[in-house]
Protein backbone atom coordinates (compact mmCIF):
# COMPACT_ATOMS: atom_id res chain seq x y z
CA MET A 1 -24.06 -80.31 -10.43
CA SER A 2 -27.64 -79.83 -10.64
CA ASP A 3 -29.21 -76.82 -12.32
CA ALA A 4 -30.18 -75.46 -8.91
CA GLU A 5 -26.80 -75.78 -7.55
CA LYS A 6 -25.34 -74.01 -10.89
CA VAL A 7 -27.86 -71.24 -10.25
CA PHE A 8 -26.79 -70.96 -6.70
CA VAL A 9 -23.15 -71.08 -7.48
CA ALA A 10 -23.65 -68.55 -10.20
CA GLY A 11 -25.71 -66.32 -8.06
CA ARG A 12 -22.98 -66.78 -5.34
CA GLU A 13 -20.20 -65.87 -7.76
CA GLU A 14 -22.16 -63.03 -9.05
CA ALA A 15 -22.56 -61.75 -5.32
CA GLU A 16 -18.94 -62.19 -4.69
CA GLU A 17 -18.16 -60.32 -7.71
CA LYS A 18 -20.56 -57.46 -6.64
CA ALA A 19 -18.92 -57.74 -3.31
CA LYS A 20 -15.55 -57.29 -4.77
CA LYS A 21 -16.81 -54.33 -6.76
CA ALA A 22 -18.44 -52.58 -3.87
CA PRO A 23 -15.09 -52.07 -1.95
CA LYS A 24 -13.65 -50.75 -5.09
CA LYS A 25 -16.53 -48.32 -5.56
CA ALA A 26 -16.41 -47.36 -1.81
CA GLU A 27 -12.66 -46.91 -2.24
CA GLN A 28 -13.17 -44.75 -5.18
CA ALA A 29 -15.90 -42.65 -3.28
CA VAL A 30 -13.45 -42.24 -0.18
CA GLY A 31 -10.64 -41.44 -2.71
CA PHE A 32 -12.90 -38.83 -4.32
CA LEU A 33 -13.83 -37.36 -1.08
CA ASP A 34 -10.32 -37.29 0.27
CA GLU A 35 -9.44 -35.39 -2.92
CA THR A 36 -12.17 -32.98 -2.50
CA GLN A 37 -11.40 -32.54 0.92
CA GLN A 38 -7.77 -31.77 0.16
CA ARG A 39 -8.76 -29.43 -2.58
CA ALA A 40 -11.16 -27.69 -0.05
CA ALA A 41 -8.41 -27.51 2.58
CA ALA A 42 -5.99 -26.07 -0.10
CA ALA A 43 -8.43 -23.53 -1.28
CA TYR A 44 -9.17 -22.57 2.27
CA ALA A 45 -5.37 -22.10 2.92
CA ALA A 46 -5.16 -19.94 -0.21
CA TYR A 47 -8.24 -17.88 1.10
CA ILE A 48 -6.38 -17.37 4.35
CA GLU A 49 -3.23 -16.51 2.66
CA ALA A 50 -5.15 -14.05 0.24
CA GLU A 51 -6.69 -12.51 3.27
CA ARG A 52 -3.32 -12.03 5.23
CA GLN A 53 -1.98 -10.35 2.04
CA LEU A 54 -4.95 -8.18 1.81
CA GLU A 55 -4.66 -7.07 5.40
CA GLU A 56 -1.02 -6.39 4.75
CA ALA A 57 -1.74 -4.43 1.61
CA TYR A 58 -4.11 -2.31 3.75
CA LYS A 59 -1.55 -1.78 6.34
CA GLU A 60 1.18 -0.78 3.62
CA GLN A 61 -1.39 1.58 2.26
CA GLU A 62 -2.05 3.21 5.69
CA ARG A 63 1.68 3.51 6.34
CA GLN A 64 1.98 5.32 3.00
CA ALA A 65 -0.86 7.56 3.77
CA ASP A 66 0.86 8.27 7.19
CA ARG A 67 4.06 9.08 5.51
CA ALA A 68 2.36 11.24 2.93
CA TYR A 69 0.37 13.18 5.87
CA SER A 70 3.53 13.52 7.79
CA GLY A 71 5.36 14.81 4.89
CA ALA A 72 2.75 17.29 3.98
CA VAL A 73 2.48 18.41 7.73
CA GLU A 74 6.44 19.01 7.74
CA GLN A 75 6.29 20.81 4.18
CA VAL A 76 3.45 23.08 5.50
CA GLY A 77 5.39 23.83 8.82
CA LYS A 78 8.56 24.71 6.92
CA ALA A 79 6.60 26.89 4.42
CA CYS A 80 4.81 28.60 7.32
CA GLU A 81 8.26 29.18 9.25
CA GLU A 82 9.61 30.64 6.05
CA SER A 83 6.64 32.99 5.66
CA ILE A 84 6.87 33.97 9.18
CA ALA A 85 10.55 34.55 8.68
CA GLN A 86 10.17 36.62 5.53
CA ALA A 87 7.27 38.74 7.43
CA ARG A 88 9.59 39.38 10.28
CA LYS A 89 12.41 40.39 8.01
CA ALA A 90 9.87 42.70 6.28
CA TYR A 91 8.63 44.08 9.57
CA GLU A 92 11.98 44.75 10.86
CA GLY A 93 13.15 46.33 7.64
CA SER A 94 10.04 48.55 7.79
CA VAL A 95 10.62 49.45 11.45
CA ALA A 96 14.26 50.24 10.79
CA GLN A 97 13.33 52.39 7.76
CA ALA A 98 10.62 54.11 9.91
CA LEU A 99 13.20 54.77 12.77
CA ARG A 100 15.62 56.19 10.06
CA THR A 101 12.71 58.41 8.63
CA ARG A 102 11.97 59.55 12.17
CA ASP A 103 15.55 60.36 13.09
CA GLU A 104 16.12 62.25 9.93
CA ALA A 105 12.93 64.03 10.51
CA GLU A 106 14.00 64.96 14.10
CA ARG A 107 17.31 66.01 12.88
CA LYS A 108 15.81 68.42 10.02
CA ALA A 109 13.44 69.78 12.70
CA ARG A 110 16.16 70.35 15.12
CA GLU A 111 18.30 72.28 12.45
CA ALA A 112 15.34 74.33 11.50
CA ARG A 113 14.69 75.14 15.24
CA ASN A 114 18.10 76.00 15.84
CA GLU A 115 18.28 78.38 12.71
CA THR A 116 15.01 79.83 13.66
CA ILE A 117 16.39 80.44 17.13
CA GLU A 118 19.76 81.95 15.85
CA ARG A 119 17.64 84.33 13.63
CA THR A 120 15.48 85.43 16.27
CA TRP A 121 18.44 86.19 18.48
CA ALA A 122 20.08 87.87 15.70
CA VAL A 123 17.09 89.89 15.10
CA PHE A 124 16.77 90.73 18.89
CA THR A 125 20.28 91.51 19.33
CA LYS A 126 20.16 93.97 16.34
CA ALA A 127 17.03 95.71 17.57
CA ARG A 128 18.77 96.13 21.01
CA LYS A 129 21.46 97.92 19.67
């Protein structure tokens, strides 16, 4: 084999070596891209899941706030009803006491009137005799 043929064969072998290495590098690049794409997809899925969990957390917080609000409204309503009931009881007690006081005052006034009339008639009848 001549030197020119040797150079040509060597160049050809070198080219074949490079050609064999090129697909490996391309495969490596594709593998790296696939891996990167898989990681990106996994990260996106994790992001979507985190968003879903965040939304659920907000909804739960809203439910808790609604329960707290409803409980507070119910508690205030009960306190108001109790206060009204106590006020009515106090009012009814005051009215009953006022009626008793009035009845007692009327009874005493009637007794005083009757005594006065009896004395007046007694004086009148004495004076007539």
